[in-house]
Structures are given as structure tokens and as C-alpha cells.
Amino acid sequence: MNISLRSLARAGLFIALAVSVSVLFRFTATLVPFSLLPLVVILSGLTLTPKESFLAMGGYLLLGLLGLPVFAAPPFGGLGYVLKPTFGFILGFVVSAPLLSLILRRPKEWSFWSLLGVSLLGLVFIYPLGLLYLWVIMKAVGKPLTFSQVLQVGFFPFIGFDILKAVLATVVAFRVQKRFSKRG
């Protein structure tokens, strides 16, 4: 895998952003914590190349699995986090960002509404994996949830806020796109 210094720097910026929003804005009162990470994930998919966005979200995941306290809920990091019911959402982040970026490779410039549609599609990539993982882990630890309970715990409290995060990511990405298209 050939990676330029520029790509590493761009991915590193988003790793730092992901770590920052995870560490500075922790809301863990429920089984599934509120997080600003979907904003960062979608923004990385809208502004980075597929390789860069994969490196950014994969790098965030790797830092957490290595034990750095970067995840949103206790124990905040380590290999044991794989057994947390919310780990599937993190896997969804790693999948979503590069997929969004792949979708955006053509055309060069997108309308605001097209970018918004792609941003919302990012949530479609995150939620199924996260919710399925939540259901599987809860069943594995002897606390099975029905489909309705999984939605009540991991979807309904968050989807409205995540749509707002997708809109915010779209606004930022659209402005970045306009700014760079004027320069080029």
C-alpha cells in the first residue's frame, strides 16, 4: 500500500479529531453512549480519499484496541472492548467512511443535496452493523434483547441527532468543496 506523506497527515488529522470528540465529549449514561463520532466519520468520508478515510477510522480503532482510552464508554480502550455491545458501531465507522468516499469519487463537484444524501447513506452503513453487534453481544452475555429493544436502546434515541450530525458534516464538506474548487 503506497501512502503519501500528505495522505498520512490528512488521515492523522481525522484520527486526532476522532480521539478529541471521543475524549472531550463522553456521554455514557446509557448502554449506548451519545457520541459525536458519526459527525467525524461522515466528514472524513466526504472530504478524504477512500484510503485516507479508512486509515483515519482504522487508526482510531487501532489506538483504542491497543489500550489508549479513546472509546466513548468504559473501559475506553483495550482488546476487551471487542466484547462491548457498542463495538459494532465502531466497526461501522471503519466501513462507512471509506464507502462514502468511494461513492464521492465521481463527479468532482457535488451539489449540497447530493452530499446530504451521501451523508445520510453513511448512517445506513453504520447502524445495521452496530445494531446487529449490539443484539449478538447482549445475547452472548445472557441478556438477550428483542429487535424492538435493540431499536429502543441503540437507534431511536440517537437517529435524530445523527441526522443533524450528517447535516453539519454536509455543510462543512460543501463549504470545503466550494473553497477548494475556487482555488483550483
C-alpha atoms as a PDB file:
ATOM      1  CA  MET A   1       0.000   0.000   0.000  1.00  0.00           C
ATOM      2  CA  ASN A   2       1.662   3.194  -1.196  1.00  0.00           C
ATOM      3  CA  ILE A   3       0.738   6.142   1.031  1.00  0.00           C
ATOM      4  CA  SER A   4       1.983   9.692   0.593  1.00  0.00           C
ATOM      5  CA  LEU A   5       3.015  11.902   3.466  1.00  0.00           C
ATOM      6  CA  ARG A   6       0.106  14.195   2.608  1.00  0.00           C
ATOM      7  CA  SER A   7      -2.361  11.302   2.900  1.00  0.00           C
ATOM      8  CA  LEU A   8      -0.870  10.243   6.229  1.00  0.00           C
ATOM      9  CA  ALA A   9      -1.177  13.793   7.519  1.00  0.00           C
ATOM     10  CA  ARG A  10      -4.812  14.066   6.397  1.00  0.00           C
ATOM     11  CA  ALA A  11      -5.668  10.705   7.974  1.00  0.00           C
ATOM     12  CA  GLY A  12      -3.782  11.682  11.126  1.00  0.00           C
ATOM     13  CA  LEU A  13      -5.797  14.877  11.397  1.00  0.00           C
ATOM     14  CA  PHE A  14      -9.016  12.868  11.389  1.00  0.00           C
ATOM     15  CA  ILE A  15      -7.632  10.350  13.890  1.00  0.00           C
ATOM     16  CA  ALA A  16      -6.889  13.296  16.177  1.00  0.00           C
ATOM     17  CA  LEU A  17     -10.361  14.705  15.560  1.00  0.00           C
ATOM     18  CA  ALA A  18     -11.993  11.328  16.321  1.00  0.00           C
ATOM     19  CA  VAL A  19      -9.964  10.938  19.519  1.00  0.00           C
ATOM     20  CA  SER A  20     -10.770  14.521  20.546  1.00  0.00           C
ATOM     21  CA  VAL A  21     -14.529  14.211  20.167  1.00  0.00           C
ATOM     22  CA  SER A  22     -14.464  10.828  21.920  1.00  0.00           C
ATOM     23  CA  VAL A  23     -12.422  12.007  24.884  1.00  0.00           C
ATOM     24  CA  LEU A  24     -13.819  15.518  25.303  1.00  0.00           C
ATOM     25  CA  PHE A  25     -17.498  14.666  24.791  1.00  0.00           C
ATOM     26  CA  ARG A  26     -18.283  11.470  26.691  1.00  0.00           C
ATOM     27  CA  PHE A  27     -21.933  10.872  27.491  1.00  0.00           C
ATOM     28  CA  THR A  28     -22.157   7.316  28.839  1.00  0.00           C
ATOM     29  CA  ALA A  29     -25.367   7.319  30.893  1.00  0.00           C
ATOM     30  CA  THR A  30     -26.921   4.534  28.798  1.00  0.00           C
ATOM     31  CA  LEU A  31     -25.892   1.207  27.297  1.00  0.00           C
ATOM     32  CA  VAL A  32     -25.164   3.018  24.015  1.00  0.00           C
ATOM     33  CA  PRO A  33     -23.371   6.319  24.663  1.00  0.00           C
ATOM     34  CA  PHE A  34     -24.101   9.522  22.800  1.00  0.00           C
ATOM     35  CA  SER A  35     -21.136  10.355  20.576  1.00  0.00           C
ATOM     36  CA  LEU A  36     -20.016  12.992  18.119  1.00  0.00           C
ATOM     37  CA  LEU A  37     -18.051  10.364  16.205  1.00  0.00           C
ATOM     38  CA  PRO A  38     -20.659   9.941  13.444  1.00  0.00           C
ATOM     39  CA  LEU A  39     -20.005  13.585  12.539  1.00  0.00           C
ATOM     40  CA  VAL A  40     -16.269  12.893  12.202  1.00  0.00           C
ATOM     41  CA  VAL A  41     -16.861   9.630  10.324  1.00  0.00           C
ATOM     42  CA  ILE A  42     -19.170  11.232   7.777  1.00  0.00           C
ATOM     43  CA  LEU A  43     -16.945  14.284   7.402  1.00  0.00           C
ATOM     44  CA  SER A  44     -13.921  12.062   6.766  1.00  0.00           C
ATOM     45  CA  GLY A  45     -15.846  10.128   4.143  1.00  0.00           C
ATOM     46  CA  LEU A  46     -16.909  13.353   2.449  1.00  0.00           C
ATOM     47  CA  THR A  47     -13.506  15.046   2.446  1.00  0.00           C
ATOM     48  CA  LEU A  48     -10.818  12.340   2.347  1.00  0.00           C
ATOM     49  CA  THR A  49      -9.925   9.727  -0.236  1.00  0.00           C
ATOM     50  CA  PRO A  50     -11.143   6.175   0.446  1.00  0.00           C
ATOM     51  CA  LYS A  51      -7.652   5.142   1.583  1.00  0.00           C
ATOM     52  CA  GLU A  52      -7.279   8.176   3.854  1.00  0.00           C
ATOM     53  CA  SER A  53     -10.692   7.744   5.436  1.00  0.00           C
ATOM     54  CA  PHE A  54     -10.013   4.042   6.036  1.00  0.00           C
ATOM     55  CA  LEU A  55      -6.655   4.914   7.627  1.00  0.00           C
ATOM     56  CA  ALA A  56      -8.325   7.555   9.796  1.00  0.00           C
ATOM     57  CA  MET A  57     -11.109   5.367  11.147  1.00  0.00           C
ATOM     58  CA  GLY A  58      -8.927   2.257  11.231  1.00  0.00           C
ATOM     59  CA  GLY A  59      -6.260   4.227  13.075  1.00  0.00           C
ATOM     60  CA  TYR A  60      -8.812   5.361  15.644  1.00  0.00           C
ATOM     61  CA  LEU A  61      -9.937   1.749  16.098  1.00  0.00           C
ATOM     62  CA  LEU A  62      -6.357   0.534  16.423  1.00  0.00           C
ATOM     63  CA  LEU A  63      -5.477   3.153  19.053  1.00  0.00           C
ATOM     64  CA  GLY A  64      -8.436   2.034  21.129  1.00  0.00           C
ATOM     65  CA  LEU A  65      -7.699  -1.669  20.779  1.00  0.00           C
ATOM     66  CA  LEU A  66      -4.093  -1.020  21.791  1.00  0.00           C
ATOM     67  CA  GLY A  67      -5.425   0.302  25.084  1.00  0.00           C
ATOM     68  CA  LEU A  68      -5.488   4.062  24.660  1.00  0.00           C
ATOM     69  CA  PRO A  69      -8.645   5.427  26.324  1.00  0.00           C
ATOM     70  CA  VAL A  70     -10.222   6.767  23.129  1.00  0.00           C
ATOM     71  CA  PHE A  71     -13.584   4.979  23.007  1.00  0.00           C
ATOM     72  CA  ALA A  72     -16.783   6.547  24.283  1.00  0.00           C
ATOM     73  CA  ALA A  73     -17.644   4.110  27.098  1.00  0.00           C
ATOM     74  CA  PRO A  74     -15.738   2.434  29.925  1.00  0.00           C
ATOM     75  CA  PRO A  75     -13.193   0.825  29.825  1.00  0.00           C
ATOM     76  CA  PHE A  76     -12.497   3.337  26.991  1.00  0.00           C
ATOM     77  CA  GLY A  77      -9.934   1.066  25.296  1.00  0.00           C
ATOM     78  CA  GLY A  78      -8.195  -2.293  25.164  1.00  0.00           C
ATOM     79  CA  LEU A  79      -8.842  -5.586  23.407  1.00  0.00           C
ATOM     80  CA  GLY A  80     -11.682  -6.360  25.812  1.00  0.00           C
ATOM     81  CA  TYR A  81     -13.662  -3.566  24.176  1.00  0.00           C
ATOM     82  CA  VAL A  82     -14.465  -6.021  21.386  1.00  0.00           C
ATOM     83  CA  LEU A  83     -16.945  -7.571  23.812  1.00  0.00           C
ATOM     84  CA  LYS A  84     -18.717  -4.271  24.456  1.00  0.00           C
ATOM     85  CA  PRO A  85     -22.211  -4.127  22.936  1.00  0.00           C
ATOM     86  CA  THR A  86     -21.336  -0.873  21.137  1.00  0.00           C
ATOM     87  CA  PHE A  87     -18.182  -2.119  19.407  1.00  0.00           C
ATOM     88  CA  GLY A  88     -20.207  -2.816  16.251  1.00  0.00           C
ATOM     89  CA  PHE A  89     -20.793   0.895  15.814  1.00  0.00           C
ATOM     90  CA  ILE A  90     -17.018   1.450  15.762  1.00  0.00           C
ATOM     91  CA  LEU A  91     -16.730  -1.257  13.103  1.00  0.00           C
ATOM     92  CA  GLY A  92     -19.487   0.578  11.238  1.00  0.00           C
ATOM     93  CA  PHE A  93     -17.375   3.742  11.355  1.00  0.00           C
ATOM     94  CA  VAL A  94     -14.429   1.933   9.766  1.00  0.00           C
ATOM     95  CA  VAL A  95     -16.707   0.628   6.990  1.00  0.00           C
ATOM     96  CA  SER A  96     -18.788   3.767   6.460  1.00  0.00           C
ATOM     97  CA  ALA A  97     -16.101   6.428   5.904  1.00  0.00           C
ATOM     98  CA  PRO A  98     -14.283   4.740   3.000  1.00  0.00           C
ATOM     99  CA  LEU A  99     -17.570   3.662   1.398  1.00  0.00           C
ATOM    100  CA  LEU A 100     -18.797   7.264   1.428  1.00  0.00           C
ATOM    101  CA  SER A 101     -15.520   8.380  -0.052  1.00  0.00           C
ATOM    102  CA  LEU A 102     -15.757   5.746  -2.795  1.00  0.00           C
ATOM    103  CA  ILE A 103     -19.244   6.940  -3.691  1.00  0.00           C
ATOM    104  CA  LEU A 104     -17.982  10.525  -3.947  1.00  0.00           C
ATOM    105  CA  ARG A 105     -15.070   9.874  -6.301  1.00  0.00           C
ATOM    106  CA  ARG A 106     -17.147  10.975  -9.313  1.00  0.00           C
ATOM    107  CA  PRO A 107     -18.273  13.642 -10.204  1.00  0.00           C
ATOM    108  CA  LYS A 108     -15.652  16.077  -8.938  1.00  0.00           C
ATOM    109  CA  GLU A 109     -18.139  18.590  -7.536  1.00  0.00           C
ATOM    110  CA  TRP A 110     -21.351  17.637  -5.785  1.00  0.00           C
ATOM    111  CA  SER A 111     -24.449  19.675  -5.011  1.00  0.00           C
ATOM    112  CA  PHE A 112     -25.349  20.246  -1.384  1.00  0.00           C
ATOM    113  CA  TRP A 113     -28.349  17.921  -1.658  1.00  0.00           C
ATOM    114  CA  SER A 114     -26.303  15.143  -3.229  1.00  0.00           C
ATOM    115  CA  LEU A 115     -23.718  15.433  -0.471  1.00  0.00           C
ATOM    116  CA  LEU A 116     -26.507  15.338   2.105  1.00  0.00           C
ATOM    117  CA  GLY A 117     -27.883  12.161   0.541  1.00  0.00           C
ATOM    118  CA  VAL A 118     -24.454  10.545   0.698  1.00  0.00           C
ATOM    119  CA  SER A 119     -24.056  11.713   4.316  1.00  0.00           C
ATOM    120  CA  LEU A 120     -27.337  10.088   5.279  1.00  0.00           C
ATOM    121  CA  LEU A 121     -26.235   6.956   3.470  1.00  0.00           C
ATOM    122  CA  GLY A 122     -23.284   6.902   5.855  1.00  0.00           C
ATOM    123  CA  LEU A 123     -25.736   6.309   8.696  1.00  0.00           C
ATOM    124  CA  VAL A 124     -27.174   3.382   6.742  1.00  0.00           C
ATOM    125  CA  PHE A 125     -23.675   1.862   6.721  1.00  0.00           C
ATOM    126  CA  ILE A 126     -23.155   2.463  10.465  1.00  0.00           C
ATOM    127  CA  TYR A 127     -26.447   1.498  12.087  1.00  0.00           C
ATOM    128  CA  PRO A 128     -27.078  -2.053  10.788  1.00  0.00           C
ATOM    129  CA  LEU A 129     -23.633  -3.265  11.830  1.00  0.00           C
ATOM    130  CA  GLY A 130     -23.865  -1.507  15.178  1.00  0.00           C
ATOM    131  CA  LEU A 131     -27.350  -2.763  15.965  1.00  0.00           C
ATOM    132  CA  LEU A 132     -26.604  -6.331  14.876  1.00  0.00           C
ATOM    133  CA  TYR A 133     -23.457  -6.408  17.016  1.00  0.00           C
ATOM    134  CA  LEU A 134     -25.424  -4.993  19.971  1.00  0.00           C
ATOM    135  CA  TRP A 135     -28.014  -7.749  19.606  1.00  0.00           C
ATOM    136  CA  VAL A 136     -25.400 -10.534  19.259  1.00  0.00           C
ATOM    137  CA  ILE A 137     -23.269  -9.433  22.223  1.00  0.00           C
ATOM    138  CA  MET A 138     -26.245  -8.906  24.509  1.00  0.00           C
ATOM    139  CA  LYS A 139     -27.455 -12.404  23.658  1.00  0.00           C
ATOM    140  CA  ALA A 140     -23.940 -13.816  24.188  1.00  0.00           C
ATOM    141  CA  VAL A 141     -23.677 -12.310  27.679  1.00  0.00           C
ATOM    142  CA  GLY A 142     -27.065 -13.727  28.674  1.00  0.00           C
ATOM    143  CA  LYS A 143     -29.050 -10.502  28.433  1.00  0.00           C
ATOM    144  CA  PRO A 144     -30.868 -11.011  25.126  1.00  0.00           C
ATOM    145  CA  LEU A 145     -32.777  -8.113  23.614  1.00  0.00           C
ATOM    146  CA  THR A 146     -35.686  -8.304  21.215  1.00  0.00           C
ATOM    147  CA  PHE A 147     -35.449  -6.453  17.911  1.00  0.00           C
ATOM    148  CA  SER A 148     -37.722  -3.771  19.368  1.00  0.00           C
ATOM    149  CA  GLN A 149     -35.492  -3.402  22.442  1.00  0.00           C
ATOM    150  CA  VAL A 150     -32.379  -3.121  20.273  1.00  0.00           C
ATOM    151  CA  LEU A 151     -34.033  -0.262  18.370  1.00  0.00           C
ATOM    152  CA  GLN A 152     -35.142   1.384  21.626  1.00  0.00           C
ATOM    153  CA  VAL A 153     -31.631   1.195  23.073  1.00  0.00           C
ATOM    154  CA  GLY A 154     -29.422   1.769  20.031  1.00  0.00           C
ATOM    155  CA  PHE A 155     -31.444   3.538  17.348  1.00  0.00           C
ATOM    156  CA  PHE A 156     -34.388   5.715  18.382  1.00  0.00           C
ATOM    157  CA  PRO A 157     -32.550   7.831  20.976  1.00  0.00           C
ATOM    158  CA  PHE A 158     -29.751   8.624  18.503  1.00  0.00           C
ATOM    159  CA  ILE A 159     -31.030   8.749  14.927  1.00  0.00           C
ATOM    160  CA  GLY A 160     -32.367  12.310  15.137  1.00  0.00           C
ATOM    161  CA  PHE A 161     -29.069  13.624  16.493  1.00  0.00           C
ATOM    162  CA  ASP A 162     -27.118  11.576  13.943  1.00  0.00           C
ATOM    163  CA  ILE A 163     -29.163  13.082  11.124  1.00  0.00           C
ATOM    164  CA  LEU A 164     -28.239  16.533  12.487  1.00  0.00           C
ATOM    165  CA  LYS A 165     -24.572  15.466  12.574  1.00  0.00           C
ATOM    166  CA  ALA A 166     -24.882  14.318   8.950  1.00  0.00           C
ATOM    167  CA  VAL A 167     -26.328  17.719   8.000  1.00  0.00           C
ATOM    168  CA  LEU A 168     -23.495  19.511   9.822  1.00  0.00           C
ATOM    169  CA  ALA A 169     -20.878  17.308   8.117  1.00  0.00           C
ATOM    170  CA  THR A 170     -22.528  18.089   4.777  1.00  0.00           C
ATOM    171  CA  VAL A 171     -22.417  21.843   5.397  1.00  0.00           C
ATOM    172  CA  VAL A 172     -18.717  21.686   6.297  1.00  0.00           C
ATOM    173  CA  ALA A 173     -17.817  19.388   3.377  1.00  0.00           C
ATOM    174  CA  PHE A 174     -19.794  21.500   0.911  1.00  0.00           C
ATOM    175  CA  ARG A 175     -18.005  24.661   2.052  1.00  0.00           C
ATOM    176  CA  VAL A 176     -14.623  22.919   1.829  1.00  0.00           C
ATOM    177  CA  GLN A 177     -15.502  21.701  -1.668  1.00  0.00           C
ATOM    178  CA  LYS A 178     -16.504  25.227  -2.755  1.00  0.00           C
ATOM    179  CA  ARG A 179     -13.375  26.724  -1.249  1.00  0.00           C
ATOM    180  CA  PHE A 180     -11.029  24.308  -2.978  1.00  0.00           C
ATOM    181  CA  SER A 181     -12.857  24.459  -6.312  1.00  0.00           C
ATOM    182  CA  LYS A 182     -12.275  28.243  -6.382  1.00  0.00           C
ATOM    183  CA  ARG A 183      -8.550  27.703  -5.858  1.00  0.00           C
ATOM    184  CA  GLY A 184      -8.122  25.013  -8.466  1.00  0.00           C
END
